[in-house]
Amino acid sequence: MLSARSLFQEIIDNDDSYQLFCSIAASGEAQGGWENARIAALVPSGLRDLAPRITRHGADEDKHGRIFNALLRKRGLGPVAVPPEADYTMLLERRGIGLAHEKLGRDETLTEQDIVVYLSHSRVTEQRAADQMIMLVKYFGDHPEVGKAIRMISHDEGNHLAYCHEELLRLTAAGHGPAIRRILRSCALAEIRIYRDVSLAVMDRMGALLGWSRAKAAVLTAGVHALYLYERLGGWRRMVRLRMPERRGALDGPATAAAAF
């Protein structure tokens, strides 16, 4: 019987599929680390109090990238190139979601509107990341090889999501509410399409590496499309709701170490 648990177990058990999985994850986290570091350096003067939290966010993402690379090294593997069609972060940028790398590469101070865009984009993508990590912790939190890494990353993703909620609510109170609601909606609707396309691309690669039958590949492809349909019909709304989190000040202080990795 196909399930999230059995699918991920199959990916972990095979060196080639595990190598691709960790490489995709490490690349995405490293890109997120760079983006947050650049945003922290370019925060406008009126929002400078945000800079340490954005820096912390970026440091966490860098740490996650190092963790995934360490998992590869533990198995005697190195990273492989991420297929362009499976590069979630870059596909989001090409769709105009978030702040463009070209903008972040310039030494020009960002505007308050840019920070609204950044936090709204992060609210959506961190929801996806948090959901995925909660699922992985449920099934593999005690796994001897990846369990510790999954638990650590899941905790951080929960902090990132809490931080986005808290900061967006502050900006809403400061008068940015209409823009935040508009950007959240457009980001969420774009993200679910890109997530579908990336999922299909990754499933296609994994199927080739693991020798899936046509029937198995068809079932998994149907599952990806079914998830997209659910999200398009209303599931996307979980990505745009704002509520004050239980974890207040989740990104205050320095990033936690990952000495074990």
C-alpha atoms as a PDB file:
ATOM      1  CA  MET A   1       0.000   0.000   0.000  1.00  0.00           C
ATOM      2  CA  LEU A   2       1.314   3.447  -0.966  1.00  0.00           C
ATOM      3  CA  SER A   3       1.641   5.976   1.836  1.00  0.00           C
ATOM      4  CA  ALA A   4       3.804   8.956   2.729  1.00  0.00           C
ATOM      5  CA  ARG A   5       5.695   6.720   5.153  1.00  0.00           C
ATOM      6  CA  SER A   6       6.389   3.946   2.646  1.00  0.00           C
ATOM      7  CA  LEU A   7       7.310   6.422  -0.090  1.00  0.00           C
ATOM      8  CA  PHE A   8       9.822   8.296   2.040  1.00  0.00           C
ATOM      9  CA  GLN A   9      11.224   5.044   3.409  1.00  0.00           C
ATOM     10  CA  GLU A  10      11.861   3.903  -0.139  1.00  0.00           C
ATOM     11  CA  ILE A  11      13.661   7.173  -0.908  1.00  0.00           C
ATOM     12  CA  ILE A  12      15.828   6.921   2.230  1.00  0.00           C
ATOM     13  CA  ASP A  13      16.764   3.302   1.586  1.00  0.00           C
ATOM     14  CA  ASN A  14      18.192   3.953  -1.889  1.00  0.00           C
ATOM     15  CA  ASP A  15      21.456   5.913  -2.161  1.00  0.00           C
ATOM     16  CA  ASP A  16      20.600   7.570  -5.489  1.00  0.00           C
ATOM     17  CA  SER A  17      17.151   8.794  -4.447  1.00  0.00           C
ATOM     18  CA  TYR A  18      18.423   9.826  -0.998  1.00  0.00           C
ATOM     19  CA  GLN A  19      21.233  11.778  -2.662  1.00  0.00           C
ATOM     20  CA  LEU A  20      18.753  13.643  -4.865  1.00  0.00           C
ATOM     21  CA  PHE A  21      16.377  14.320  -1.968  1.00  0.00           C
ATOM     22  CA  CYS A  22      19.106  15.747   0.295  1.00  0.00           C
ATOM     23  CA  SER A  23      20.648  17.730  -2.569  1.00  0.00           C
ATOM     24  CA  ILE A  24      17.332  19.415  -3.418  1.00  0.00           C
ATOM     25  CA  ALA A  25      16.727  20.209   0.249  1.00  0.00           C
ATOM     26  CA  ALA A  26      20.270  21.529   0.839  1.00  0.00           C
ATOM     27  CA  SER A  27      20.139  23.748  -2.243  1.00  0.00           C
ATOM     28  CA  GLY A  28      16.805  25.291  -1.285  1.00  0.00           C
ATOM     29  CA  GLU A  29      17.940  25.986   2.269  1.00  0.00           C
ATOM     30  CA  ALA A  30      21.198  27.557   1.080  1.00  0.00           C
ATOM     31  CA  GLN A  31      19.300  29.848  -1.282  1.00  0.00           C
ATOM     32  CA  GLY A  32      17.008  30.850   1.578  1.00  0.00           C
ATOM     33  CA  GLY A  33      20.016  31.591   3.762  1.00  0.00           C
ATOM     34  CA  TRP A  34      21.515  33.904   1.147  1.00  0.00           C
ATOM     35  CA  GLU A  35      18.227  35.710   0.546  1.00  0.00           C
ATOM     36  CA  ASN A  36      17.634  36.387   4.228  1.00  0.00           C
ATOM     37  CA  ALA A  37      21.207  37.581   4.756  1.00  0.00           C
ATOM     38  CA  ARG A  38      20.857  40.070   1.900  1.00  0.00           C
ATOM     39  CA  ILE A  39      17.464  41.282   3.125  1.00  0.00           C
ATOM     40  CA  ALA A  40      18.855  41.789   6.634  1.00  0.00           C
ATOM     41  CA  ALA A  41      21.656  43.922   5.188  1.00  0.00           C
ATOM     42  CA  LEU A  42      19.222  46.063   3.163  1.00  0.00           C
ATOM     43  CA  VAL A  43      16.386  46.606   5.678  1.00  0.00           C
ATOM     44  CA  PRO A  44      15.096  50.216   5.638  1.00  0.00           C
ATOM     45  CA  SER A  45      15.914  52.397   8.629  1.00  0.00           C
ATOM     46  CA  GLY A  46      12.322  52.406   9.886  1.00  0.00           C
ATOM     47  CA  LEU A  47      12.383  48.625  10.267  1.00  0.00           C
ATOM     48  CA  ARG A  48      15.944  48.085  11.499  1.00  0.00           C
ATOM     49  CA  ASP A  49      14.639  46.259  14.572  1.00  0.00           C
ATOM     50  CA  LEU A  50      13.732  43.422  12.192  1.00  0.00           C
ATOM     51  CA  ALA A  51      17.294  42.949  10.952  1.00  0.00           C
ATOM     52  CA  PRO A  52      18.495  40.628  13.782  1.00  0.00           C
ATOM     53  CA  ARG A  53      15.478  38.358  13.296  1.00  0.00           C
ATOM     54  CA  ILE A  54      15.946  38.226   9.534  1.00  0.00           C
ATOM     55  CA  THR A  55      19.619  37.443  10.121  1.00  0.00           C
ATOM     56  CA  ARG A  56      18.614  34.645  12.492  1.00  0.00           C
ATOM     57  CA  HIS A  57      16.192  33.306   9.886  1.00  0.00           C
ATOM     58  CA  GLY A  58      18.987  33.194   7.317  1.00  0.00           C
ATOM     59  CA  ALA A  59      21.395  31.548   9.772  1.00  0.00           C
ATOM     60  CA  ASP A  60      18.823  28.820  10.446  1.00  0.00           C
ATOM     61  CA  GLU A  61      18.411  28.190   6.713  1.00  0.00           C
ATOM     62  CA  ASP A  62      22.184  27.972   6.259  1.00  0.00           C
ATOM     63  CA  LYS A  63      22.308  25.512   9.158  1.00  0.00           C
ATOM     64  CA  HIS A  64      19.649  23.345   7.512  1.00  0.00           C
ATOM     65  CA  GLY A  65      21.654  23.281   4.292  1.00  0.00           C
ATOM     66  CA  ARG A  66      24.726  22.126   6.229  1.00  0.00           C
ATOM     67  CA  ILE A  67      22.660  19.446   7.971  1.00  0.00           C
ATOM     68  CA  PHE A  68      21.439  17.964   4.682  1.00  0.00           C
ATOM     69  CA  ASN A  69      24.985  17.994   3.304  1.00  0.00           C
ATOM     70  CA  ALA A  70      26.204  16.312   6.495  1.00  0.00           C
ATOM     71  CA  LEU A  71      23.577  13.594   6.060  1.00  0.00           C
ATOM     72  CA  LEU A  72      24.985  12.978   2.596  1.00  0.00           C
ATOM     73  CA  ARG A  73      28.552  12.792   3.886  1.00  0.00           C
ATOM     74  CA  LYS A  74      27.554  10.304   6.597  1.00  0.00           C
ATOM     75  CA  ARG A  75      26.547   7.934   3.815  1.00  0.00           C
ATOM     76  CA  GLY A  76      29.653   8.685   1.753  1.00  0.00           C
ATOM     77  CA  LEU A  77      27.699  10.691  -0.825  1.00  0.00           C
ATOM     78  CA  GLY A  78      28.127  14.149  -2.296  1.00  0.00           C
ATOM     79  CA  PRO A  79      25.506  16.609  -3.530  1.00  0.00           C
ATOM     80  CA  VAL A  80      24.193  16.372  -7.086  1.00  0.00           C
ATOM     81  CA  ALA A  81      22.883  19.117  -9.334  1.00  0.00           C
ATOM     82  CA  VAL A  82      19.263  20.071  -8.732  1.00  0.00           C
ATOM     83  CA  PRO A  83      17.145  19.662 -11.889  1.00  0.00           C
ATOM     84  CA  PRO A  84      15.849  23.117 -12.932  1.00  0.00           C
ATOM     85  CA  GLU A  85      12.270  21.854 -12.962  1.00  0.00           C
ATOM     86  CA  ALA A  86      12.671  20.767  -9.318  1.00  0.00           C
ATOM     87  CA  ASP A  87      14.200  24.039  -8.063  1.00  0.00           C
ATOM     88  CA  TYR A  88      11.288  25.325  -5.953  1.00  0.00           C
ATOM     89  CA  THR A  89      12.992  28.538  -4.831  1.00  0.00           C
ATOM     90  CA  MET A  90      14.091  29.656  -8.279  1.00  0.00           C
ATOM     91  CA  LEU A  91      10.751  28.775  -9.844  1.00  0.00           C
ATOM     92  CA  LEU A  92       9.015  30.978  -7.270  1.00  0.00           C
ATOM     93  CA  GLU A  93      11.355  33.831  -8.140  1.00  0.00           C
ATOM     94  CA  ARG A  94      10.703  33.429 -11.867  1.00  0.00           C
ATOM     95  CA  ARG A  95       6.992  33.738 -11.171  1.00  0.00           C
ATOM     96  CA  GLY A  96       7.658  37.055  -9.433  1.00  0.00           C
ATOM     97  CA  ILE A  97       7.001  35.685  -5.942  1.00  0.00           C
ATOM     98  CA  GLY A  98       9.130  37.256  -3.227  1.00  0.00           C
ATOM     99  CA  LEU A  99      12.066  39.590  -3.819  1.00  0.00           C
ATOM    100  CA  ALA A 100      14.101  39.013  -6.966  1.00  0.00           C
ATOM    101  CA  HIS A 101      17.730  37.976  -6.587  1.00  0.00           C
ATOM    102  CA  GLU A 102      18.683  40.771  -8.979  1.00  0.00           C
ATOM    103  CA  LYS A 103      17.213  43.305  -6.535  1.00  0.00           C
ATOM    104  CA  LEU A 104      18.887  41.658  -3.553  1.00  0.00           C
ATOM    105  CA  GLY A 105      22.234  41.662  -5.352  1.00  0.00           C
ATOM    106  CA  ARG A 106      22.265  45.451  -5.484  1.00  0.00           C
ATOM    107  CA  ASP A 107      23.406  47.534  -2.519  1.00  0.00           C
ATOM    108  CA  GLU A 108      20.198  49.551  -2.467  1.00  0.00           C
ATOM    109  CA  THR A 109      18.110  49.883   0.687  1.00  0.00           C
ATOM    110  CA  LEU A 110      14.798  48.067   0.489  1.00  0.00           C
ATOM    111  CA  THR A 111      11.458  49.777   1.060  1.00  0.00           C
ATOM    112  CA  GLU A 112       8.810  48.981   3.659  1.00  0.00           C
ATOM    113  CA  GLN A 113       6.747  47.524   0.817  1.00  0.00           C
ATOM    114  CA  ASP A 114       9.640  45.192  -0.037  1.00  0.00           C
ATOM    115  CA  ILE A 115       9.655  43.938   3.552  1.00  0.00           C
ATOM    116  CA  VAL A 116       5.893  43.364   3.367  1.00  0.00           C
ATOM    117  CA  VAL A 117       6.473  41.306   0.201  1.00  0.00           C
ATOM    118  CA  TYR A 118       9.309  39.364   1.843  1.00  0.00           C
ATOM    119  CA  LEU A 119       7.350  38.512   4.986  1.00  0.00           C
ATOM    120  CA  SER A 120       4.185  37.618   3.051  1.00  0.00           C
ATOM    121  CA  HIS A 121       6.154  35.326   0.749  1.00  0.00           C
ATOM    122  CA  SER A 122       7.854  33.774   3.774  1.00  0.00           C
ATOM    123  CA  ARG A 123       4.502  33.261   5.522  1.00  0.00           C
ATOM    124  CA  VAL A 124       3.352  31.120   2.591  1.00  0.00           C
ATOM    125  CA  THR A 125       6.528  29.128   1.983  1.00  0.00           C
ATOM    126  CA  GLU A 126       7.201  28.555   5.686  1.00  0.00           C
ATOM    127  CA  GLN A 127       3.709  27.083   6.008  1.00  0.00           C
ATOM    128  CA  ARG A 128       4.639  24.564   3.340  1.00  0.00           C
ATOM    129  CA  ALA A 129       7.960  23.806   5.017  1.00  0.00           C
ATOM    130  CA  ALA A 130       6.403  23.470   8.471  1.00  0.00           C
ATOM    131  CA  ASP A 131       3.667  21.151   7.171  1.00  0.00           C
ATOM    132  CA  GLN A 132       6.208  18.915   5.451  1.00  0.00           C
ATOM    133  CA  MET A 133       8.465  18.707   8.478  1.00  0.00           C
ATOM    134  CA  ILE A 134       5.560  17.923  10.830  1.00  0.00           C
ATOM    135  CA  MET A 135       4.659  15.022   8.535  1.00  0.00           C
ATOM    136  CA  LEU A 136       8.269  13.789   8.463  1.00  0.00           C
ATOM    137  CA  VAL A 137       8.594  14.034  12.242  1.00  0.00           C
ATOM    138  CA  LYS A 138       5.397  11.999  12.605  1.00  0.00           C
ATOM    139  CA  TYR A 139       6.758   9.135  10.518  1.00  0.00           C
ATOM    140  CA  PHE A 140      10.545   9.441  10.877  1.00  0.00           C
ATOM    141  CA  GLY A 141      11.243  11.482  13.999  1.00  0.00           C
ATOM    142  CA  ASP A 142      12.809   8.407  15.619  1.00  0.00           C
ATOM    143  CA  HIS A 143      14.676   7.187  12.550  1.00  0.00           C
ATOM    144  CA  PRO A 144      18.306   6.418  13.507  1.00  0.00           C
ATOM    145  CA  GLU A 145      19.802   8.141  10.466  1.00  0.00           C
ATOM    146  CA  VAL A 146      17.592  11.183   9.800  1.00  0.00           C
ATOM    147  CA  GLY A 147      15.384  11.515  12.897  1.00  0.00           C
ATOM    148  CA  LYS A 148      17.507  14.013  14.829  1.00  0.00           C
ATOM    149  CA  ALA A 149      17.942  16.234  11.770  1.00  0.00           C
ATOM    150  CA  ILE A 150      14.228  16.171  10.986  1.00  0.00           C
ATOM    151  CA  ARG A 151      13.254  17.097  14.551  1.00  0.00           C
ATOM    152  CA  MET A 152      15.729  19.981  14.670  1.00  0.00           C
ATOM    153  CA  ILE A 153      14.672  21.406  11.311  1.00  0.00           C
ATOM    154  CA  SER A 154      10.982  21.021  12.154  1.00  0.00           C
ATOM    155  CA  HIS A 155      11.454  23.026  15.353  1.00  0.00           C
ATOM    156  CA  ASP A 156      13.184  25.794  13.403  1.00  0.00           C
ATOM    157  CA  GLU A 157      10.492  25.863  10.713  1.00  0.00           C
ATOM    158  CA  GLY A 158       7.870  26.277  13.432  1.00  0.00           C
ATOM    159  CA  ASN A 159       9.830  29.261  14.736  1.00  0.00           C
ATOM    160  CA  HIS A 160      10.046  30.772  11.262  1.00  0.00           C
ATOM    161  CA  LEU A 161       6.317  30.440  10.748  1.00  0.00           C
ATOM    162  CA  ALA A 162       5.577  31.992  14.158  1.00  0.00           C
ATOM    163  CA  TYR A 163       7.906  34.902  13.354  1.00  0.00           C
ATOM    164  CA  CYS A 164       6.125  35.568  10.050  1.00  0.00           C
ATOM    165  CA  HIS A 165       2.723  35.624  11.767  1.00  0.00           C
ATOM    166  CA  GLU A 166       3.918  37.990  14.483  1.00  0.00           C
ATOM    167  CA  GLU A 167       5.688  40.450  12.180  1.00  0.00           C
ATOM    168  CA  LEU A 168       2.867  40.528   9.615  1.00  0.00           C
ATOM    169  CA  LEU A 169       0.352  41.253  12.369  1.00  0.00           C
ATOM    170  CA  ARG A 170       2.533  44.146  13.527  1.00  0.00           C
ATOM    171  CA  LEU A 171       2.679  45.511   9.995  1.00  0.00           C
ATOM    172  CA  THR A 172      -1.073  45.045   9.659  1.00  0.00           C
ATOM    173  CA  ALA A 173      -1.564  47.180  12.773  1.00  0.00           C
ATOM    174  CA  ALA A 174       0.739  49.778  11.198  1.00  0.00           C
ATOM    175  CA  GLY A 175      -1.590  50.133   8.198  1.00  0.00           C
ATOM    176  CA  HIS A 176      -0.251  47.553   5.729  1.00  0.00           C
ATOM    177  CA  GLY A 177      -3.212  45.193   6.096  1.00  0.00           C
ATOM    178  CA  PRO A 178      -4.739  45.560   2.588  1.00  0.00           C
ATOM    179  CA  ALA A 179      -1.371  45.057   0.875  1.00  0.00           C
ATOM    180  CA  ILE A 180      -0.542  42.071   3.082  1.00  0.00           C
ATOM    181  CA  ARG A 181      -3.856  40.356   2.335  1.00  0.00           C
ATOM    182  CA  ARG A 182      -3.452  40.950  -1.402  1.00  0.00           C
ATOM    183  CA  ILE A 183       0.145  39.694  -1.504  1.00  0.00           C
ATOM    184  CA  LEU A 184      -0.584  36.665   0.670  1.00  0.00           C
ATOM    185  CA  ARG A 185      -3.382  35.567  -1.651  1.00  0.00           C
ATOM    186  CA  SER A 186      -1.335  35.962  -4.840  1.00  0.00           C
ATOM    187  CA  CYS A 187       1.667  34.203  -3.260  1.00  0.00           C
ATOM    188  CA  ALA A 188      -0.419  31.288  -2.030  1.00  0.00           C
ATOM    189  CA  LEU A 189      -2.151  30.715  -5.370  1.00  0.00           C
ATOM    190  CA  ALA A 190       1.173  30.832  -7.216  1.00  0.00           C
ATOM    191  CA  GLU A 191       2.907  28.623  -4.646  1.00  0.00           C
ATOM    192  CA  ILE A 192       0.402  25.772  -4.874  1.00  0.00           C
ATOM    193  CA  ARG A 193       0.884  25.615  -8.647  1.00  0.00           C
ATOM    194  CA  ILE A 194       4.658  25.640  -8.367  1.00  0.00           C
ATOM    195  CA  TYR A 195       4.577  23.055  -5.580  1.00  0.00           C
ATOM    196  CA  ARG A 196       2.467  20.816  -7.831  1.00  0.00           C
ATOM    197  CA  ASP A 197       4.881  21.215 -10.749  1.00  0.00           C
ATOM    198  CA  VAL A 198       7.954  20.633  -8.584  1.00  0.00           C
ATOM    199  CA  SER A 199       6.331  17.596  -6.955  1.00  0.00           C
ATOM    200  CA  LEU A 200       5.612  16.101 -10.370  1.00  0.00           C
ATOM    201  CA  ALA A 201       9.192  16.744 -11.498  1.00  0.00           C
ATOM    202  CA  VAL A 202      10.654  15.195  -8.338  1.00  0.00           C
ATOM    203  CA  MET A 203       8.338  12.184  -8.572  1.00  0.00           C
ATOM    204  CA  ASP A 204       9.405  11.677 -12.187  1.00  0.00           C
ATOM    205  CA  ARG A 205      13.105  11.701 -11.191  1.00  0.00           C
ATOM    206  CA  MET A 206      12.529   9.462  -8.190  1.00  0.00           C
ATOM    207  CA  GLY A 207      10.528   7.035 -10.285  1.00  0.00           C
ATOM    208  CA  ALA A 208      13.384   6.728 -12.766  1.00  0.00           C
ATOM    209  CA  LEU A 209      15.929   6.172  -9.977  1.00  0.00           C
ATOM    210  CA  LEU A 210      13.779   3.655  -8.108  1.00  0.00           C
ATOM    211  CA  GLY A 211      12.341   1.830 -11.100  1.00  0.00           C
ATOM    212  CA  TRP A 212       8.697   2.505 -10.341  1.00  0.00           C
ATOM    213  CA  SER A 213       6.126   0.772 -12.486  1.00  0.00           C
ATOM    214  CA  ARG A 214       3.831   2.822 -14.702  1.00  0.00           C
ATOM    215  CA  ALA A 215       0.935   1.998 -12.415  1.00  0.00           C
ATOM    216  CA  LYS A 216       2.762   3.200  -9.289  1.00  0.00           C
ATOM    217  CA  ALA A 217       3.919   6.377 -11.019  1.00  0.00           C
ATOM    218  CA  ALA A 218       0.375   7.033 -12.213  1.00  0.00           C
ATOM    219  CA  VAL A 219      -1.042   6.650  -8.697  1.00  0.00           C
ATOM    220  CA  LEU A 220       1.518   9.052  -7.245  1.00  0.00           C
ATOM    221  CA  THR A 221       0.952  11.547 -10.070  1.00  0.00           C
ATOM    222  CA  ALA A 222      -2.787  11.395  -9.415  1.00  0.00           C
ATOM    223  CA  GLY A 223      -2.105  12.060  -5.743  1.00  0.00           C
ATOM    224  CA  VAL A 224      -0.124  15.206  -6.574  1.00  0.00           C
ATOM    225  CA  HIS A 225      -2.941  16.477  -8.794  1.00  0.00           C
ATOM    226  CA  ALA A 226      -5.532  15.653  -6.117  1.00  0.00           C
ATOM    227  CA  LEU A 227      -3.582  17.674  -3.536  1.00  0.00           C
ATOM    228  CA  TYR A 228      -3.407  20.600  -5.942  1.00  0.00           C
ATOM    229  CA  LEU A 229      -7.161  20.409  -6.571  1.00  0.00           C
ATOM    230  CA  TYR A 230      -7.832  20.424  -2.810  1.00  0.00           C
ATOM    231  CA  GLU A 231      -5.534  23.402  -2.323  1.00  0.00           C
ATOM    232  CA  ARG A 232      -6.966  25.284  -5.302  1.00  0.00           C
ATOM    233  CA  LEU A 233     -10.518  24.802  -4.033  1.00  0.00           C
ATOM    234  CA  GLY A 234      -9.739  26.233  -0.606  1.00  0.00           C
ATOM    235  CA  GLY A 235      -6.790  24.520   1.028  1.00  0.00           C
ATOM    236  CA  TRP A 236      -4.626  27.525   0.105  1.00  0.00           C
ATOM    237  CA  ARG A 237      -6.448  29.590   2.718  1.00  0.00           C
ATOM    238  CA  ARG A 238      -4.429  27.990   5.534  1.00  0.00           C
ATOM    239  CA  MET A 239      -1.408  29.763   4.037  1.00  0.00           C
ATOM    240  CA  VAL A 240      -2.854  33.251   4.343  1.00  0.00           C
ATOM    241  CA  ARG A 241      -4.516  33.297   7.755  1.00  0.00           C
ATOM    242  CA  LEU A 242      -2.758  35.362  10.416  1.00  0.00           C
ATOM    243  CA  ARG A 243      -2.970  34.734  14.134  1.00  0.00           C
ATOM    244  CA  MET A 244      -0.736  35.688  17.028  1.00  0.00           C
ATOM    245  CA  PRO A 245       1.488  32.641  17.637  1.00  0.00           C
ATOM    246  CA  GLU A 246       2.088  30.896  20.928  1.00  0.00           C
ATOM    247  CA  ARG A 247       5.830  31.257  20.285  1.00  0.00           C
ATOM    248  CA  ARG A 248       6.337  35.013  20.692  1.00  0.00           C
ATOM    249  CA  GLY A 249       9.738  36.396  19.755  1.00  0.00           C
ATOM    250  CA  ALA A 250      10.570  33.058  18.151  1.00  0.00           C
ATOM    251  CA  LEU A 251      13.631  34.408  16.325  1.00  0.00           C
ATOM    252  CA  ASP A 252      15.028  36.564  19.112  1.00  0.00           C
ATOM    253  CA  GLY A 253      18.604  35.662  19.955  1.00  0.00           C
ATOM    254  CA  PRO A 254      21.266  33.777  17.971  1.00  0.00           C
ATOM    255  CA  ALA A 255      20.650  30.686  15.877  1.00  0.00           C
ATOM    256  CA  THR A 256      20.959  27.385  17.732  1.00  0.00           C
ATOM    257  CA  ALA A 257      23.965  25.233  16.903  1.00  0.00           C
ATOM    258  CA  ALA A 258      23.869  21.907  15.096  1.00  0.00           C
ATOM    259  CA  ALA A 259      27.081  20.477  16.515  1.00  0.00           C
ATOM    260  CA  ALA A 260      26.009  16.894  15.867  1.00  0.00           C
ATOM    261  CA  PHE A 261      26.092  17.608  12.130  1.00  0.00           C
END
